[in-house]
C-alpha atoms as a PDB file:
ATOM      1  CA  MET A   1      74.539-100.685  75.344  1.00  0.00           C
ATOM      2  CA  ARG A   2      73.928 -97.725  73.047  1.00  0.00           C
ATOM      3  CA  PRO A   3      72.802 -94.515  74.826  1.00  0.00           C
ATOM      4  CA  PRO A   4      69.133 -93.851  74.037  1.00  0.00           C
ATOM      5  CA  ARG A   5      67.422 -90.811  72.662  1.00  0.00           C
ATOM      6  CA  THR A   6      64.024 -92.171  73.689  1.00  0.00           C
ATOM      7  CA  ILE A   7      62.726 -94.602  76.307  1.00  0.00           C
ATOM      8  CA  LEU A   8      59.415 -96.427  75.961  1.00  0.00           C
ATOM      9  CA  LEU A   9      57.861 -97.600  79.214  1.00  0.00           C
ATOM     10  CA  ASP A  10      55.153-100.090  80.042  1.00  0.00           C
ATOM     11  CA  LEU A  11      52.424 -99.086  82.517  1.00  0.00           C
ATOM     12  CA  ASP A  12      50.923-102.049  84.390  1.00  0.00           C
ATOM     13  CA  ASP A  13      53.321-103.922  86.678  1.00  0.00           C
ATOM     14  CA  THR A  14      56.130-101.592  85.630  1.00  0.00           C
ATOM     15  CA  LEU A  15      55.088 -98.103  86.754  1.00  0.00           C
ATOM     16  CA  LEU A  16      51.990 -99.343  88.590  1.00  0.00           C
ATOM     17  CA  THR A  17      51.279-102.400  90.703  1.00  0.00           C
ATOM     18  CA  ALA A  18      48.593-104.287  88.817  1.00  0.00           C
ATOM     19  CA  TYR A  19      48.241-107.923  87.797  1.00  0.00           C
ATOM     20  CA  ARG A  20      51.353-109.815  88.847  1.00  0.00           C
ATOM     21  CA  GLN A  21      49.759-111.629  91.826  1.00  0.00           C
ATOM     22  CA  PRO A  22      46.622-113.306  90.453  1.00  0.00           C
ATOM     23  CA  GLU A  23      46.603-115.893  93.246  1.00  0.00           C
ATOM     24  CA  ARG A  24      46.216-113.244  95.936  1.00  0.00           C
ATOM     25  CA  THR A  25      43.752-111.221  93.877  1.00  0.00           C
ATOM     26  CA  TRP A  26      41.322-114.077  93.227  1.00  0.00           C
ATOM     27  CA  ALA A  27      41.664-115.473  96.750  1.00  0.00           C
ATOM     28  CA  ALA A  28      40.716-112.080  98.193  1.00  0.00           C
ATOM     29  CA  ILE A  29      37.790-111.588  95.805  1.00  0.00           C
ATOM     30  CA  ILE A  30      36.339-115.037  96.443  1.00  0.00           C
ATOM     31  CA  ALA A  31      36.799-114.644 100.201  1.00  0.00           C
ATOM     32  CA  GLU A  32      34.614-111.525  99.984  1.00  0.00           C
ATOM     33  CA  HIS A  33      31.841-113.717  98.533  1.00  0.00           C
ATOM     34  CA  ALA A  34      32.140-116.638 100.933  1.00  0.00           C
ATOM     35  CA  ASP A  35      28.455-116.261 101.904  1.00  0.00           C
ATOM     36  CA  ALA A  36      27.410-117.122  98.347  1.00  0.00           C
ATOM     37  CA  LEU A  37      29.458-120.318  98.363  1.00  0.00           C
ATOM     38  CA  GLY A  38      27.534-121.994 101.172  1.00  0.00           C
ATOM     39  CA  GLU A  39      29.392-124.975 102.562  1.00  0.00           C
ATOM     40  CA  HIS A  40      31.919-124.938  99.737  1.00  0.00           C
ATOM     41  CA  SER A  41      35.503-124.098 100.668  1.00  0.00           C
ATOM     42  CA  THR A  42      36.758-120.755  99.384  1.00  0.00           C
ATOM     43  CA  ARG A  43      40.124-122.441  98.773  1.00  0.00           C
ATOM     44  CA  TRP A  44      38.463-125.075  96.563  1.00  0.00           C
ATOM     45  CA  VAL A  45      36.606-122.416  94.566  1.00  0.00           C
ATOM     46  CA  THR A  46      39.672-120.184  94.293  1.00  0.00           C
ATOM     47  CA  ALA A  47      41.826-123.017  92.944  1.00  0.00           C
ATOM     48  CA  GLU A  48      39.337-123.807  90.171  1.00  0.00           C
ATOM     49  CA  VAL A  49      38.715-120.168  89.222  1.00  0.00           C
ATOM     50  CA  LEU A  50      42.448-119.467  89.151  1.00  0.00           C
ATOM     51  CA  ASP A  51      43.088-122.542  87.010  1.00  0.00           C
ATOM     52  CA  ARG A  52      40.456-121.470  84.478  1.00  0.00           C
ATOM     53  CA  VAL A  53      41.708-117.874  84.430  1.00  0.00           C
ATOM     54  CA  LEU A  54      45.358-118.818  83.922  1.00  0.00           C
ATOM     55  CA  SER A  55      44.467-121.375  81.263  1.00  0.00           C
ATOM     56  CA  PHE A  56      42.456-118.748  79.399  1.00  0.00           C
ATOM     57  CA  LEU A  57      45.248-116.178  79.637  1.00  0.00           C
ATOM     58  CA  ALA A  58      47.880-118.628  78.390  1.00  0.00           C
ATOM     59  CA  ASP A  59      46.572-117.963  74.883  1.00  0.00           C
ATOM     60  CA  GLU A  60      47.375-114.606  73.272  1.00  0.00           C
ATOM     61  CA  GLU A  61      43.866-114.268  71.869  1.00  0.00           C
ATOM     62  CA  GLY A  62      42.492-114.944  75.331  1.00  0.00           C
ATOM     63  CA  ARG A  63      44.675-112.203  76.791  1.00  0.00           C
ATOM     64  CA  LYS A  64      43.387-109.778  74.169  1.00  0.00           C
ATOM     65  CA  LEU A  65      39.746-110.590  74.945  1.00  0.00           C
ATOM     66  CA  TRP A  66      40.481-110.212  78.675  1.00  0.00           C
ATOM     67  CA  ARG A  67      41.844-106.720  78.048  1.00  0.00           C
ATOM     68  CA  LEU A  68      39.421-105.360  75.475  1.00  0.00           C
ATOM     69  CA  GLU A  69      36.200-107.232  76.312  1.00  0.00           C
ATOM     70  CA  GLY A  70      36.986-107.677  79.969  1.00  0.00           C
ATOM     71  CA  ASP A  71      33.626-107.737  81.733  1.00  0.00           C
ATOM     72  CA  ALA A  72      31.965-110.235  79.416  1.00  0.00           C
ATOM     73  CA  THR A  73      35.105-112.351  79.138  1.00  0.00           C
ATOM     74  CA  ARG A  74      35.649-112.581  82.880  1.00  0.00           C
ATOM     75  CA  ARG A  75      32.028-113.597  83.401  1.00  0.00           C
ATOM     76  CA  ARG A  76      32.410-116.357  80.842  1.00  0.00           C
ATOM     77  CA  VAL A  77      35.637-117.667  82.406  1.00  0.00           C
ATOM     78  CA  VAL A  78      34.370-117.629  86.004  1.00  0.00           C
ATOM     79  CA  ARG A  79      31.071-119.240  84.935  1.00  0.00           C
ATOM     80  CA  SER A  80      33.084-122.027  83.259  1.00  0.00           C
ATOM     81  CA  ALA A  81      34.923-122.574  86.549  1.00  0.00           C
ATOM     82  CA  PHE A  82      31.605-122.753  88.442  1.00  0.00           C
ATOM     83  CA  HIS A  83      30.317-125.268  85.905  1.00  0.00           C
ATOM     84  CA  ARG A  84      33.300-127.533  86.515  1.00  0.00           C
ATOM     85  CA  LEU A  85      32.960-127.094  90.266  1.00  0.00           C
ATOM     86  CA  ASN A  86      29.334-128.186  90.111  1.00  0.00           C
ATOM     87  CA  LEU A  87      30.367-131.313  88.215  1.00  0.00           C
ATOM     88  CA  ALA A  88      32.819-132.132  91.009  1.00  0.00           C
ATOM     89  CA  ARG A  89      30.864-130.945  94.071  1.00  0.00           C
ATOM     90  CA  PRO A  90      30.313-133.412  96.931  1.00  0.00           C
ATOM     91  CA  PRO A  91      27.045-135.384  96.889  1.00  0.00           C
ATOM     92  CA  GLY A  92      24.246-133.578  98.707  1.00  0.00           C
ATOM     93  CA  SER A  93      25.940-130.174  98.628  1.00  0.00           C
ATOM     94  CA  GLU A  94      24.195-127.113  97.243  1.00  0.00           C
ATOM     95  CA  PRO A  95      25.042-126.092  93.658  1.00  0.00           C
ATOM     96  CA  LEU A  96      26.989-122.951  92.903  1.00  0.00           C
ATOM     97  CA  HIS A  97      25.063-120.381  90.880  1.00  0.00           C
ATOM     98  CA  GLY A  98      25.934-118.358  87.812  1.00  0.00           C
ATOM     99  CA  VAL A  99      24.679-115.131  89.322  1.00  0.00           C
ATOM    100  CA  ASP A 100      27.340-115.469  92.037  1.00  0.00           C
ATOM    101  CA  ALA A 101      29.962-116.270  89.406  1.00  0.00           C
ATOM    102  CA  ASP A 102      29.068-112.992  87.701  1.00  0.00           C
ATOM    103  CA  ARG A 103      29.355-111.042  90.952  1.00  0.00           C
ATOM    104  CA  ILE A 104      32.811-112.496  91.527  1.00  0.00           C
ATOM    105  CA  ALA A 105      33.900-111.783  87.956  1.00  0.00           C
ATOM    106  CA  ASP A 106      32.611-108.211  88.086  1.00  0.00           C
ATOM    107  CA  ARG A 107      34.529-107.539  91.285  1.00  0.00           C
ATOM    108  CA  PHE A 108      37.887-108.119  89.584  1.00  0.00           C
ATOM    109  CA  GLU A 109      38.295-104.691  88.006  1.00  0.00           C
ATOM    110  CA  THR A 110      37.044-102.689  90.992  1.00  0.00           C
ATOM    111  CA  TYR A 111      39.258-104.718  93.329  1.00  0.00           C
ATOM    112  CA  LEU A 112      42.318-103.895  91.251  1.00  0.00           C
ATOM    113  CA  GLU A 113      41.334-100.233  91.076  1.00  0.00           C
ATOM    114  CA  GLU A 114      41.231-100.152  94.872  1.00  0.00           C
ATOM    115  CA  ALA A 115      44.536-102.002  95.261  1.00  0.00           C
ATOM    116  CA  ILE A 116      46.610-100.370  92.518  1.00  0.00           C
ATOM    117  CA  THR A 117      49.483 -98.100  93.523  1.00  0.00           C
ATOM    118  CA  LEU A 118      52.328 -96.215  91.901  1.00  0.00           C
ATOM    119  CA  LYS A 119      55.586 -98.148  92.194  1.00  0.00           C
ATOM    120  CA  PRO A 120      58.138 -96.694  94.628  1.00  0.00           C
ATOM    121  CA  GLY A 121      60.458 -94.273  92.870  1.00  0.00           C
ATOM    122  CA  ALA A 122      58.393 -94.129  89.685  1.00  0.00           C
ATOM    123  CA  ARG A 123      57.706 -90.408  89.742  1.00  0.00           C
ATOM    124  CA  GLU A 124      61.290 -89.532  90.642  1.00  0.00           C
ATOM    125  CA  MET A 125      62.641 -91.771  87.896  1.00  0.00           C
ATOM    126  CA  LEU A 126      60.379 -90.254  85.245  1.00  0.00           C
ATOM    127  CA  ALA A 127      61.220 -86.726  86.327  1.00  0.00           C
ATOM    128  CA  GLY A 128      64.928 -87.489  86.232  1.00  0.00           C
ATOM    129  CA  LEU A 129      64.782 -89.034  82.771  1.00  0.00           C
ATOM    130  CA  GLY A 130      62.871 -86.053  81.430  1.00  0.00           C
ATOM    131  CA  ALA A 131      65.299 -83.612  83.033  1.00  0.00           C
ATOM    132  CA  ALA A 132      68.136 -85.462  81.301  1.00  0.00           C
ATOM    133  CA  GLY A 133      66.550 -84.614  77.959  1.00  0.00           C
ATOM    134  CA  LEU A 134      65.240 -88.072  77.118  1.00  0.00           C
ATOM    135  CA  ARG A 135      62.012 -88.437  75.164  1.00  0.00           C
ATOM    136  CA  LEU A 136      59.592 -90.665  77.050  1.00  0.00           C
ATOM    137  CA  GLY A 137      56.759 -92.667  75.541  1.00  0.00           C
ATOM    138  CA  LEU A 138      54.156 -94.728  77.401  1.00  0.00           C
ATOM    139  CA  LEU A 139      53.106 -97.915  75.614  1.00  0.00           C
ATOM    140  CA  THR A 140      50.279 -99.886  77.204  1.00  0.00           C
ATOM    141  CA  ASN A 141      47.744-102.485  76.189  1.00  0.00           C
ATOM    142  CA  GLY A 142      44.122-102.315  77.291  1.00  0.00           C
ATOM    143  CA  THR A 143      41.059-100.150  76.856  1.00  0.00           C
ATOM    144  CA  ARG A 144      41.073 -96.396  76.521  1.00  0.00           C
ATOM    145  CA  ALA A 145      38.779 -95.761  79.490  1.00  0.00           C
ATOM    146  CA  ARG A 146      40.637 -97.921  82.008  1.00  0.00           C
ATOM    147  CA  GLN A 147      44.160 -96.996  80.982  1.00  0.00           C
ATOM    148  CA  ARG A 148      43.434 -93.262  80.701  1.00  0.00           C
ATOM    149  CA  ALA A 149      41.788 -93.363  84.124  1.00  0.00           C
ATOM    150  CA  LYS A 150      44.906 -94.878  85.685  1.00  0.00           C
ATOM    151  CA  ILE A 151      47.196 -92.413  83.926  1.00  0.00           C
ATOM    152  CA  ALA A 152      45.072 -89.505  85.177  1.00  0.00           C
ATOM    153  CA  ARG A 153      44.726 -90.894  88.692  1.00  0.00           C
ATOM    154  CA  PHE A 154      48.488 -90.974  89.183  1.00  0.00           C
ATOM    155  CA  GLY A 155      49.252 -87.809  87.235  1.00  0.00           C
ATOM    156  CA  LEU A 156      51.521 -89.505  84.707  1.00  0.00           C
ATOM    157  CA  SER A 157      50.673 -87.603  81.517  1.00  0.00           C
ATOM    158  CA  PRO A 158      53.085 -84.664  82.041  1.00  0.00           C
ATOM    159  CA  PHE A 159      56.073 -87.007  82.040  1.00  0.00           C
ATOM    160  CA  PHE A 160      55.435 -88.346  78.529  1.00  0.00           C
ATOM    161  CA  ARG A 161      55.777 -86.776  75.111  1.00  0.00           C
ATOM    162  CA  ALA A 162      53.501 -89.462  73.688  1.00  0.00           C
ATOM    163  CA  ILE A 163      51.089 -92.017  75.159  1.00  0.00           C
ATOM    164  CA  GLN A 164      49.779 -94.943  73.124  1.00  0.00           C
ATOM    165  CA  ILE A 165      46.979 -97.259  74.283  1.00  0.00           C
ATOM    166  CA  GLU A 166      46.022-100.454  72.484  1.00  0.00           C
ATOM    167  CA  GLU A 167      42.325 -99.678  71.962  1.00  0.00           C
ATOM    168  CA  GLU A 168      43.034 -96.152  70.715  1.00  0.00           C
ATOM    169  CA  ALA A 169      45.730 -97.269  68.269  1.00  0.00           C
ATOM    170  CA  GLY A 170      43.808-100.289  66.996  1.00  0.00           C
ATOM    171  CA  PHE A 171      46.701-102.632  67.831  1.00  0.00           C
ATOM    172  CA  GLY A 172      48.917-103.327  70.807  1.00  0.00           C
ATOM    173  CA  LYS A 173      52.001-105.182  71.973  1.00  0.00           C
ATOM    174  CA  PRO A 174      53.470-107.469  70.656  1.00  0.00           C
ATOM    175  CA  ASP A 175      52.320-106.273  67.203  1.00  0.00           C
ATOM    176  CA  PRO A 176      55.382-104.568  65.625  1.00  0.00           C
ATOM    177  CA  ARG A 177      53.175-101.669  64.571  1.00  0.00           C
ATOM    178  CA  ALA A 178      52.627-100.731  68.212  1.00  0.00           C
ATOM    179  CA  TYR A 179      56.300 -99.976  68.830  1.00  0.00           C
ATOM    180  CA  MET A 180      57.002 -98.472  65.427  1.00  0.00           C
ATOM    181  CA  ARG A 181      54.010 -96.117  65.525  1.00  0.00           C
ATOM    182  CA  LEU A 182      54.997 -94.745  68.917  1.00  0.00           C
ATOM    183  CA  LEU A 183      58.631 -94.363  67.860  1.00  0.00           C
ATOM    184  CA  ALA A 184      57.502 -92.462  64.763  1.00  0.00           C
ATOM    185  CA  ARG A 185      55.518 -90.077  66.955  1.00  0.00           C
ATOM    186  CA  LEU A 186      58.700 -89.521  68.964  1.00  0.00           C
ATOM    187  CA  ASP A 187      60.834 -89.131  65.828  1.00  0.00           C
ATOM    188  CA  THR A 188      63.138 -91.915  66.939  1.00  0.00           C
ATOM    189  CA  ALA A 189      64.715 -94.880  65.150  1.00  0.00           C
ATOM    190  CA  PRO A 190      64.577 -98.250  66.944  1.00  0.00           C
ATOM    191  CA  ARG A 191      68.354 -98.311  67.424  1.00  0.00           C
ATOM    192  CA  ASP A 192      68.100 -95.078  69.449  1.00  0.00           C
ATOM    193  CA  ALA A 193      65.353 -96.315  71.785  1.00  0.00           C
ATOM    194  CA  TRP A 194      65.135 -98.384  74.945  1.00  0.00           C
ATOM    195  CA  MET A 195      62.061-100.273  76.130  1.00  0.00           C
ATOM    196  CA  LEU A 196      61.412-101.095  79.793  1.00  0.00           C
ATOM    197  CA  GLY A 197      58.669-103.437  80.940  1.00  0.00           C
ATOM    198  CA  ASP A 198      57.803-106.574  82.890  1.00  0.00           C
ATOM    199  CA  ASP A 199      56.444-108.820  80.146  1.00  0.00           C
ATOM    200  CA  PRO A 200      59.127-111.088  78.618  1.00  0.00           C
ATOM    201  CA  VAL A 201      57.476-111.069  75.192  1.00  0.00           C
ATOM    202  CA  TRP A 202      55.607-107.768  74.927  1.00  0.00           C
ATOM    203  CA  ASP A 203      58.294-105.612  76.535  1.00  0.00           C
ATOM    204  CA  VAL A 204      61.480-107.486  75.707  1.00  0.00           C
ATOM    205  CA  ALA A 205      61.528-110.106  72.943  1.00  0.00           C
ATOM    206  CA  ALA A 206      59.206-108.264  70.546  1.00  0.00           C
ATOM    207  CA  PRO A 207      60.848-104.811  70.742  1.00  0.00           C
ATOM    208  CA  ALA A 208      64.332-106.353  70.747  1.00  0.00           C
ATOM    209  CA  ALA A 209      63.512-108.072  67.461  1.00  0.00           C
ATOM    210  CA  LEU A 210      62.816-104.616  66.001  1.00  0.00           C
ATOM    211  CA  GLY A 211      66.175-103.246  67.100  1.00  0.00           C
ATOM    212  CA  LEU A 212      65.273-101.565  70.398  1.00  0.00           C
ATOM    213  CA  THR A 213      67.399-102.078  73.494  1.00  0.00           C
ATOM    214  CA  ALA A 214      64.977-104.064  75.667  1.00  0.00           C
ATOM    215  CA  ILE A 215      65.265-104.188  79.452  1.00  0.00           C
ATOM    216  CA  LEU A 216      63.272-106.575  81.627  1.00  0.00           C
ATOM    217  CA  TYR A 217      61.741-105.185  84.813  1.00  0.00           C
ATOM    218  CA  ASP A 218      61.605-108.125  87.214  1.00  0.00           C
ATOM    219  CA  GLU A 219      61.244-107.484  90.941  1.00  0.00           C
ATOM    220  CA  THR A 220      61.556-111.184  91.779  1.00  0.00           C
ATOM    221  CA  GLY A 221      64.751-111.871  89.851  1.00  0.00           C
ATOM    222  CA  ARG A 222      63.287-115.264  88.950  1.00  0.00           C
ATOM    223  CA  THR A 223      61.913-114.631  85.461  1.00  0.00           C
ATOM    224  CA  PRO A 224      64.095-116.334  82.842  1.00  0.00           C
ATOM    225  CA  LEU A 225      65.903-113.678  80.833  1.00  0.00           C
ATOM    226  CA  PRO A 226      64.079-113.467  77.486  1.00  0.00           C
ATOM    227  CA  GLU A 227      65.790-113.658  74.125  1.00  0.00           C
ATOM    228  CA  GLY A 228      67.105-110.258  73.144  1.00  0.00           C
ATOM    229  CA  ALA A 229      67.153-108.786  76.661  1.00  0.00           C
ATOM    230  CA  ALA A 230      69.977-106.291  77.101  1.00  0.00           C
ATOM    231  CA  ALA A 231      69.627-106.139  80.881  1.00  0.00           C
ATOM    232  CA  ARG A 232      67.393-106.855  83.871  1.00  0.00           C
ATOM    233  CA  ILE A 233      66.499-104.441  86.674  1.00  0.00           C
ATOM    234  CA  ASP A 234      64.502-105.089  89.846  1.00  0.00           C
ATOM    235  CA  ARG A 235      63.964-101.480  90.957  1.00  0.00           C
ATOM    236  CA  LEU A 236      62.980 -98.437  88.937  1.00  0.00           C
ATOM    237  CA  GLU A 237      65.769 -96.336  90.399  1.00  0.00           C
ATOM    238  CA  THR A 238      68.254 -98.713  88.753  1.00  0.00           C
ATOM    239  CA  LEU A 239      67.353 -97.462  85.271  1.00  0.00           C
ATOM    240  CA  PRO A 240      69.109 -94.052  85.609  1.00  0.00           C
ATOM    241  CA  ARG A 241      72.198 -95.885  86.884  1.00  0.00           C
ATOM    242  CA  LEU A 242      72.107 -98.122  83.819  1.00  0.00           C
ATOM    243  CA  LEU A 243      71.887 -95.033  81.631  1.00  0.00           C
ATOM    244  CA  ALA A 244      74.869 -93.471  83.386  1.00  0.00           C
ATOM    245  CA  GLN A 245      76.965 -96.487  82.448  1.00  0.00           C
ATOM    246  CA  THR A 246      76.358 -95.810  78.747  1.00  0.00           C
ATOM    247  CA  ALA A 247      77.284 -92.126  78.863  1.00  0.00           C
END
């Protein structure tokens, strides 16, 4: 691999724990609202909500709405799950109500805010890369308010020469403009940049197609290696070792 001048890094599920365990997240949220479900099993409700959420997020346009119009979109998706549950509920059981669907949907963001943490070794890795003279850029999708709040909460701004957020830029990953605009701000050609992130398309296939060296961050080791991936790492501290091999 070519030694980089610049490294672009993803935020959620790369530097921060965030969204990679939707099953646990929705199970915990729905368990908090078991009183609103009456005699209905929380497992039954969780399975339907999770199915509707994952189906919605399978579409790129759905993922964009989830990020940028999150509150309204989540309410719509969870209400659709409640509608289907009511169609299938046992005879004589009490119906599930939309107001409770909204409460469950609205809990998603606050639950994640409470659960989110900085990944082990993230701060040390960023400090080491900066000390080595590398230009660091943060490239993240989502809204300005939520992403800036996370960046501030964990004190990440000082590590980066440039930070680009989807809502602020007007476009996000995997739009080629997202990578190229940030690279221009860092005065770096694609061939002189690496990209590290957990999403096989947004953080690997799309930047690789533009000429960046794309590295998949995969803690499980089970994600199929995407087209164009130059390497896979499962711990953040592995990245400096990978860099040392190119020196």
